[in-house]
Amino acid sequence: MADSTLIGCDLFCGAGGMSLGAEMAGIKVRVAVENDKYAAETFRKNHPQTTLIADDIRNIDPIKYFKTAPFIIFGGPPCQGFSLSNTVTRNLENKHNSLFEEFLRFIEILEPQWCVFENVEGFVSFQKGMIAAALKERLEKLGYSVTSGILNASAYGVPQDRNRFFMVGNKAGKSFKFPMPQKVRFTVKDALADLPSLRNGDSYEALPYKKEPENKFALRMRKGSKEAKQNFVSRNKEYVIERYKYIKPGQNWKAIPERLMKNYKNREQCHSGIYKRLNPEKASVVISNFRKNMLIHPFEDRGLSLREAARLQSFPDKFIFCGPLMYMQQQIGNAVPPLLSKVVA
């Protein structure tokens, strides 16, 4: 059980990847904040002991929920404005970019011993690094010693090549160093081999596992679950499935014959992540909007199922997502991998 003093608060919690990792590390997440309807529903279902505030964070008085300072406040403001993949919105007028001010407001009022700010790696270069520098300066003025860095999830037990930025602040006079990378790395095959075979457009609430787990990652994901749940695959048109057949593991749209890509005015403008078939022998590419990007299963001619994407993000099989399929897919893509959150926590 978590120490009664290790109380946490999760801001911009989404589906709950950060909270899940923190709880694995022994922190009791008492309060969480999330304004998205379906993400809040998912969080509630999987964290029934946490008070979930489904509201705009700017409307919330932290004192109402904490009589004493929590041990830790953590969170990652929506990253639309910071992401390197979306340069159009990377300006100070974007309302999402002001939300890290709310993160600071909670810290200033509640004065936790520790705080963890998480975001996309592009946060460090936003406004030529001035925003990251300003955040560090503000935390230091509040009495925190600050350490920041970019961690790759694949180095910490997650079968995905995903970089995330973390800034850790401590007010208890303790030094902090990010954890050393783990020696064991997991692949797409490690993550998905025991999950059931599916076809384009399949939708099964629960199916038996295909075989026994063959590695520690799969064994860990299956703990507490007797069957694979939420085996939901978006239905692609038949011409899309025909394109999939030409793409080998690790390849993308460039492997598709030109005669099957006539609806693209300029093939050279296609993003490298479009029509990407995952390489079973490597960690996955970033699981973001995996439906829109049309990430392809390593062996089967279809998109990833919801459970497969959740596995690649290190959500255990007993974790259930809520809402329409496209919203559940987005929750997975937006989440911090729980196992990455755990090592920091």
Protein backbone atom coordinates (compact mmCIF):
# COMPACT_ATOMS: atom_id res chain seq x y z
CA MET A 1 0.00 0.00 0.00
CA ALA A 2 1.04 3.57 -0.62
CA ASP A 3 2.39 5.58 2.30
CA SER A 4 -0.44 7.81 3.55
CA THR A 5 1.85 10.83 3.16
CA LEU A 6 2.54 10.17 -0.53
CA ILE A 7 -0.47 12.07 -1.85
CA GLY A 8 -0.51 13.14 -5.48
CA CYS A 9 -2.44 15.49 -7.75
CA ASP A 10 -2.63 14.88 -11.52
CA LEU A 11 -3.35 17.93 -13.70
CA PHE A 12 -4.50 17.48 -17.33
CA CYS A 13 -4.72 13.78 -16.47
CA GLY A 14 -6.27 12.52 -19.71
CA ALA A 15 -7.03 8.80 -19.57
CA GLY A 16 -4.63 8.44 -16.63
CA GLY A 17 -1.26 7.22 -17.88
CA MET A 18 0.70 9.46 -15.50
CA SER A 19 -1.53 8.55 -12.55
CA LEU A 20 -1.26 4.84 -13.28
CA GLY A 21 2.54 5.03 -13.32
CA ALA A 22 2.60 7.12 -10.14
CA GLU A 23 0.37 4.60 -8.39
CA MET A 24 2.70 1.78 -9.47
CA ALA A 25 5.45 3.71 -7.68
CA GLY A 26 3.46 3.98 -4.45
CA ILE A 27 1.82 7.40 -4.80
CA LYS A 28 -1.85 7.76 -3.92
CA VAL A 29 -3.44 10.09 -6.46
CA ARG A 30 -6.15 11.88 -4.52
CA VAL A 31 -7.25 14.51 -7.06
CA ALA A 32 -7.11 14.69 -10.85
CA VAL A 33 -8.28 17.34 -13.33
CA GLU A 34 -9.46 16.71 -16.90
CA ASN A 35 -11.78 18.78 -19.07
CA ASP A 36 -12.38 16.25 -21.87
CA LYS A 37 -15.62 14.33 -21.37
CA TYR A 38 -14.51 10.90 -22.58
CA ALA A 39 -11.00 11.01 -21.13
CA ALA A 40 -12.55 11.94 -17.76
CA GLU A 41 -14.91 8.97 -18.07
CA THR A 42 -11.98 6.65 -18.73
CA PHE A 43 -10.05 8.05 -15.77
CA ARG A 44 -12.99 7.57 -13.42
CA LYS A 45 -13.49 3.97 -14.50
CA ASN A 46 -9.86 3.01 -13.88
CA HIS A 47 -9.16 5.23 -10.84
CA PRO A 48 -12.34 4.95 -8.73
CA GLN A 49 -10.57 6.09 -5.53
CA THR A 50 -9.49 9.41 -7.05
CA THR A 51 -11.61 12.56 -7.04
CA LEU A 52 -11.83 13.51 -10.73
CA ILE A 53 -12.71 17.15 -11.44
CA ALA A 54 -14.14 17.35 -14.97
CA ASP A 55 -13.83 21.08 -15.58
CA ASP A 56 -11.63 23.76 -17.09
CA ILE A 57 -8.63 23.99 -14.77
CA ARG A 58 -8.93 27.79 -14.79
CA ASN A 59 -12.18 27.46 -12.86
CA ILE A 60 -10.73 25.34 -10.03
CA ASP A 61 -9.66 26.48 -6.56
CA PRO A 62 -6.94 24.03 -5.38
CA ILE A 63 -7.55 24.87 -1.69
CA LYS A 64 -11.02 23.37 -1.95
CA TYR A 65 -9.51 19.92 -2.47
CA PHE A 66 -6.36 20.01 -0.32
CA LYS A 67 -6.23 21.08 3.32
CA THR A 68 -2.52 20.23 3.47
CA ALA A 69 0.16 20.25 0.78
CA PRO A 70 0.24 17.13 -1.42
CA PHE A 71 3.51 15.23 -1.75
CA ILE A 72 3.58 15.73 -5.52
CA ILE A 73 1.80 17.57 -8.32
CA PHE A 74 2.35 16.32 -11.85
CA GLY A 75 0.85 16.88 -15.25
CA GLY A 76 1.29 17.68 -18.90
CA PRO A 77 -0.72 20.57 -20.35
CA PRO A 78 -2.23 19.86 -23.80
CA CYS A 79 0.67 19.81 -26.23
CA GLN A 80 -0.96 21.01 -29.46
CA GLY A 81 0.92 24.29 -29.25
CA PHE A 82 4.28 22.74 -28.37
CA SER A 83 4.54 19.75 -30.69
CA LEU A 84 7.22 19.80 -33.39
CA SER A 85 4.69 18.12 -35.70
CA ASN A 86 2.36 21.12 -35.65
CA THR A 87 4.29 24.32 -36.33
CA VAL A 88 1.15 26.28 -37.24
CA THR A 89 0.00 26.48 -33.62
CA ARG A 90 3.39 27.10 -32.01
CA ASN A 91 2.80 30.67 -30.90
CA LEU A 92 1.98 32.39 -27.64
CA GLU A 93 -1.55 33.29 -28.77
CA ASN A 94 -2.57 29.63 -28.78
CA LYS A 95 -4.74 29.22 -25.68
CA HIS A 96 -3.21 25.80 -24.94
CA ASN A 97 0.20 27.41 -24.47
CA SER A 98 -1.02 29.40 -21.46
CA LEU A 99 -2.12 26.29 -19.59
CA PHE A 100 1.31 25.69 -18.08
CA GLU A 101 0.52 28.87 -16.11
CA GLU A 102 -2.26 26.86 -14.44
CA PHE A 103 0.23 24.14 -13.59
CA LEU A 104 2.34 26.81 -11.85
CA ARG A 105 -0.71 28.27 -10.09
CA PHE A 106 -1.47 24.92 -8.42
CA ILE A 107 2.14 24.58 -7.31
CA GLU A 108 2.34 28.12 -5.97
CA ILE A 109 -0.85 27.69 -3.93
CA LEU A 110 -0.38 24.12 -2.69
CA GLU A 111 3.44 24.03 -2.31
CA PRO A 112 4.03 20.29 -2.86
CA GLN A 113 7.42 18.76 -2.04
CA TRP A 114 7.78 17.58 -5.63
CA CYS A 115 6.40 18.56 -9.01
CA VAL A 116 6.75 16.97 -12.43
CA PHE A 117 5.98 18.78 -15.67
CA GLU A 118 5.69 16.52 -18.73
CA ASN A 119 5.31 17.36 -22.41
CA VAL A 120 6.41 16.56 -25.95
CA GLU A 121 10.12 16.93 -26.67
CA GLY A 122 9.35 19.97 -28.85
CA PHE A 123 8.57 21.91 -25.69
CA VAL A 124 12.29 22.57 -25.18
CA SER A 125 12.58 24.42 -28.49
CA PHE A 126 9.27 26.30 -28.34
CA GLN A 127 9.88 30.05 -28.72
CA LYS A 128 13.62 29.25 -29.03
CA GLY A 129 13.66 27.63 -25.61
CA MET A 130 12.34 30.70 -23.80
CA ILE A 131 9.21 28.99 -22.46
CA ALA A 132 11.15 26.07 -20.96
CA ALA A 133 13.62 28.54 -19.45
CA ALA A 134 10.77 30.65 -18.05
CA LEU A 135 9.13 27.58 -16.49
CA LYS A 136 12.42 26.59 -14.83
CA GLU A 137 12.96 30.14 -13.56
CA ARG A 138 9.44 30.36 -12.16
CA LEU A 139 9.83 27.06 -10.31
CA GLU A 140 13.18 28.14 -8.89
CA LYS A 141 11.63 31.39 -7.61
CA LEU A 142 9.04 29.23 -5.82
CA GLY A 143 11.88 27.45 -4.04
CA TYR A 144 12.33 24.36 -6.19
CA SER A 145 15.57 22.86 -7.43
CA VAL A 146 14.93 21.84 -11.03
CA THR A 147 16.17 19.03 -13.25
CA SER A 148 14.97 18.49 -16.81
CA GLY A 149 15.61 16.05 -19.61
CA ILE A 150 14.18 14.06 -22.50
CA LEU A 151 13.54 10.37 -21.88
CA ASN A 152 12.88 7.72 -24.51
CA ALA A 153 10.14 5.34 -23.43
CA SER A 154 11.83 2.33 -25.07
CA ALA A 155 14.67 2.62 -22.54
CA TYR A 156 12.28 2.09 -19.63
CA GLY A 157 10.27 -1.01 -20.49
CA VAL A 158 7.89 0.46 -23.08
CA PRO A 159 7.92 -1.17 -26.56
CA GLN A 160 7.78 2.21 -28.29
CA ASP A 161 10.38 4.69 -29.55
CA ARG A 162 8.76 7.76 -27.96
CA ASN A 163 10.57 10.81 -26.54
CA ARG A 164 8.98 12.87 -23.76
CA PHE A 165 10.24 15.95 -21.93
CA PHE A 166 10.22 15.98 -18.11
CA MET A 167 10.99 18.82 -15.73
CA VAL A 168 11.23 17.74 -12.09
CA GLY A 169 11.16 20.20 -9.21
CA ASN A 170 11.98 19.43 -5.57
CA LYS A 171 11.42 21.60 -2.50
CA ALA A 172 12.71 19.13 0.07
CA GLY A 173 16.42 19.69 -0.48
CA LYS A 174 16.91 16.35 -2.23
CA SER A 175 18.98 15.84 -5.35
CA PHE A 176 17.28 14.23 -8.31
CA LYS A 177 18.71 12.28 -11.22
CA PHE A 178 16.71 10.66 -13.99
CA PRO A 179 16.81 6.86 -13.88
CA MET A 180 19.40 4.99 -15.91
CA PRO A 181 18.10 3.23 -19.05
CA GLN A 182 17.18 -0.40 -18.58
CA LYS A 183 19.21 -3.11 -20.29
CA VAL A 184 16.19 -5.10 -21.51
CA ARG A 185 14.32 -3.56 -24.46
CA PHE A 186 11.00 -4.85 -25.78
CA THR A 187 9.83 -5.06 -29.38
CA VAL A 188 6.49 -4.87 -31.17
CA LYS A 189 6.52 -8.67 -31.39
CA ASP A 190 7.08 -8.92 -27.64
CA ALA A 191 4.09 -6.67 -27.05
CA LEU A 192 1.58 -8.13 -29.50
CA ALA A 193 2.40 -11.81 -30.16
CA ASP A 194 -0.07 -13.23 -27.65
CA LEU A 195 -3.01 -10.99 -28.63
CA PRO A 196 -5.79 -12.44 -30.83
CA SER A 197 -5.69 -12.32 -34.63
CA LEU A 198 -8.17 -9.84 -36.10
CA ARG A 199 -9.45 -8.54 -39.42
CA ASN A 200 -10.26 -5.12 -40.81
CA GLY A 201 -13.23 -3.60 -38.97
CA ASP A 202 -13.45 -6.28 -36.25
CA SER A 203 -15.06 -5.27 -32.97
CA TYR A 204 -14.88 -7.79 -30.13
CA GLU A 205 -15.34 -6.73 -26.54
CA ALA A 206 -13.38 -9.75 -25.34
CA LEU A 207 -11.45 -12.61 -26.95
CA PRO A 208 -9.20 -15.40 -25.64
CA TYR A 209 -5.47 -14.78 -25.79
CA LYS A 210 -3.79 -16.48 -28.76
CA LYS A 211 -1.08 -18.08 -26.64
CA GLU A 212 0.74 -17.87 -23.35
CA PRO A 213 2.94 -14.81 -22.75
CA GLU A 214 6.55 -15.35 -23.84
CA ASN A 215 8.26 -12.39 -22.18
CA LYS A 216 8.11 -10.24 -19.06
CA PHE A 217 6.34 -7.37 -20.79
CA ALA A 218 3.41 -9.46 -22.03
CA LEU A 219 3.20 -11.20 -18.66
CA ARG A 220 3.05 -7.84 -16.93
CA MET A 221 0.36 -6.52 -19.29
CA ARG A 222 -1.84 -9.57 -18.69
CA LYS A 223 -1.69 -9.45 -14.91
CA GLY A 224 -5.24 -9.28 -13.56
CA SER A 225 -6.86 -10.05 -16.93
CA LYS A 226 -8.05 -13.43 -18.18
CA GLU A 227 -8.83 -12.33 -21.74
CA ALA A 228 -7.96 -9.64 -24.27
CA LYS A 229 -10.52 -6.83 -24.08
CA GLN A 230 -11.50 -4.03 -26.45
CA ASN A 231 -10.31 -5.68 -29.65
CA PHE A 232 -11.62 -2.85 -31.82
CA VAL A 233 -10.20 -2.21 -35.30
CA SER A 234 -11.23 0.79 -37.42
CA ARG A 235 -12.77 -0.26 -40.72
CA ASN A 236 -10.69 0.90 -43.67
CA LYS A 237 -11.96 0.93 -47.24
CA GLU A 238 -10.98 -2.03 -49.40
CA TYR A 239 -8.62 0.05 -51.56
CA VAL A 240 -6.72 0.99 -48.39
CA ILE A 241 -6.42 -2.67 -47.38
CA GLU A 242 -5.17 -3.41 -50.92
CA ARG A 243 -2.40 -0.85 -50.38
CA TYR A 244 -1.44 -2.49 -47.08
CA LYS A 245 -0.59 -5.75 -48.86
CA TYR A 246 2.42 -4.18 -50.58
CA ILE A 247 4.02 -2.80 -47.42
CA LYS A 248 6.58 -4.92 -45.60
CA PRO A 249 7.56 -4.49 -41.93
CA GLY A 250 9.30 -1.15 -41.43
CA GLN A 251 8.15 0.22 -44.80
CA ASN A 252 5.65 3.04 -45.43
CA TRP A 253 3.56 4.47 -48.28
CA LYS A 254 6.56 4.52 -50.62
CA ALA A 255 6.18 0.76 -51.10
CA ILE A 256 2.67 1.17 -52.53
CA PRO A 257 2.49 1.00 -56.36
CA GLU A 258 1.83 4.40 -57.90
CA ARG A 259 -1.26 3.08 -59.68
CA LEU A 260 -2.91 2.56 -56.27
CA MET A 261 -2.09 6.09 -55.04
CA LYS A 262 -3.72 8.17 -57.76
CA ASN A 263 -5.91 10.06 -55.28
CA TYR A 264 -2.76 11.74 -53.91
CA LYS A 265 -1.94 14.82 -56.02
CA ASN A 266 1.69 14.77 -54.88
CA ARG A 267 2.96 11.57 -53.33
CA GLU A 268 6.19 13.27 -52.25
CA GLN A 269 4.21 15.37 -49.75
CA CYS A 270 3.04 12.30 -47.87
CA HIS A 271 4.29 12.17 -44.27
CA SER A 272 6.81 9.39 -43.61
CA GLY A 273 4.56 8.03 -40.86
CA ILE A 274 1.60 7.40 -43.19
CA TYR A 275 0.93 3.75 -44.07
CA LYS A 276 3.69 2.55 -41.78
CA ARG A 277 3.80 -1.17 -41.07
CA LEU A 278 5.35 -1.79 -37.69
CA ASN A 279 8.60 -3.73 -37.60
CA PRO A 280 8.09 -6.67 -35.22
CA GLU A 281 11.79 -6.81 -34.34
CA LYS A 282 12.01 -3.20 -33.15
CA ALA A 283 10.19 -0.91 -30.75
CA SER A 284 7.10 0.70 -32.26
CA VAL A 285 7.13 4.11 -33.87
CA VAL A 286 5.25 6.77 -31.89
CA ILE A 287 1.65 5.83 -31.14
CA SER A 288 -0.09 9.17 -31.63
CA ASN A 289 -3.11 9.37 -33.92
CA PHE A 290 -2.61 5.77 -35.05
CA ARG A 291 -5.98 5.60 -36.84
CA LYS A 292 -5.41 8.74 -38.93
CA ASN A 293 -1.80 7.76 -39.69
CA MET A 294 -2.97 4.26 -40.65
CA LEU A 295 -0.32 2.39 -38.69
CA ILE A 296 -0.36 -1.20 -39.91
CA HIS A 297 -0.17 -4.40 -37.89
CA PRO A 298 3.25 -6.10 -38.35
CA PHE A 299 1.79 -9.31 -39.83
CA GLU A 300 -1.87 -8.74 -40.66
CA ASP A 301 -3.27 -6.43 -43.36
CA ARG A 302 -5.22 -4.09 -41.07
CA GLY A 303 -4.81 -1.21 -38.70
CA LEU A 304 -3.93 -1.62 -35.04
CA SER A 305 -6.63 -2.63 -32.61
CA LEU A 306 -7.36 -0.48 -29.59
CA ARG A 307 -5.84 -3.11 -27.27
CA GLU A 308 -2.71 -3.43 -29.41
CA ALA A 309 -2.14 0.33 -29.32
CA ALA A 310 -2.75 0.33 -25.56
CA ARG A 311 -0.15 -2.44 -25.16
CA LEU A 312 2.42 -0.43 -27.15
CA GLN A 313 1.79 2.44 -24.72
CA SER A 314 2.20 0.01 -21.75
CA PHE A 315 -1.41 0.20 -20.52
CA PRO A 316 -2.25 -3.14 -18.85
CA ASP A 317 -4.99 -5.26 -20.40
CA LYS A 318 -7.35 -4.67 -17.47
CA PHE A 319 -7.35 -0.92 -18.24
CA ILE A 320 -10.63 -0.06 -20.00
CA PHE A 321 -11.12 2.98 -22.25
CA CYS A 322 -14.45 4.80 -22.59
CA GLY A 323 -16.21 6.73 -25.34
CA PRO A 324 -16.62 6.35 -29.12
CA LEU A 325 -13.78 4.46 -30.83
CA MET A 326 -12.02 7.49 -32.33
CA TYR A 327 -11.99 9.19 -28.91
CA MET A 328 -10.59 6.09 -27.22
CA GLN A 329 -7.89 5.89 -29.89
CA GLN A 330 -6.98 9.52 -29.28
CA GLN A 331 -6.82 8.97 -25.50
CA ILE A 332 -4.21 6.28 -26.07
CA GLY A 333 -2.21 8.43 -28.47
CA ASN A 334 -2.23 11.41 -26.07
CA ALA A 335 -1.22 9.44 -22.99
CA VAL A 336 2.07 9.26 -21.16
CA PRO A 337 3.18 5.60 -21.18
CA PRO A 338 2.47 4.37 -17.62
CA LEU A 339 5.78 2.52 -17.34
CA LEU A 340 7.67 5.68 -18.30
CA SER A 341 5.70 7.63 -15.69
CA LYS A 342 6.49 4.94 -13.12
CA VAL A 343 10.27 5.21 -13.41
CA VAL A 344 10.16 8.99 -12.97
CA ALA A 345 7.72 8.74 -10.05
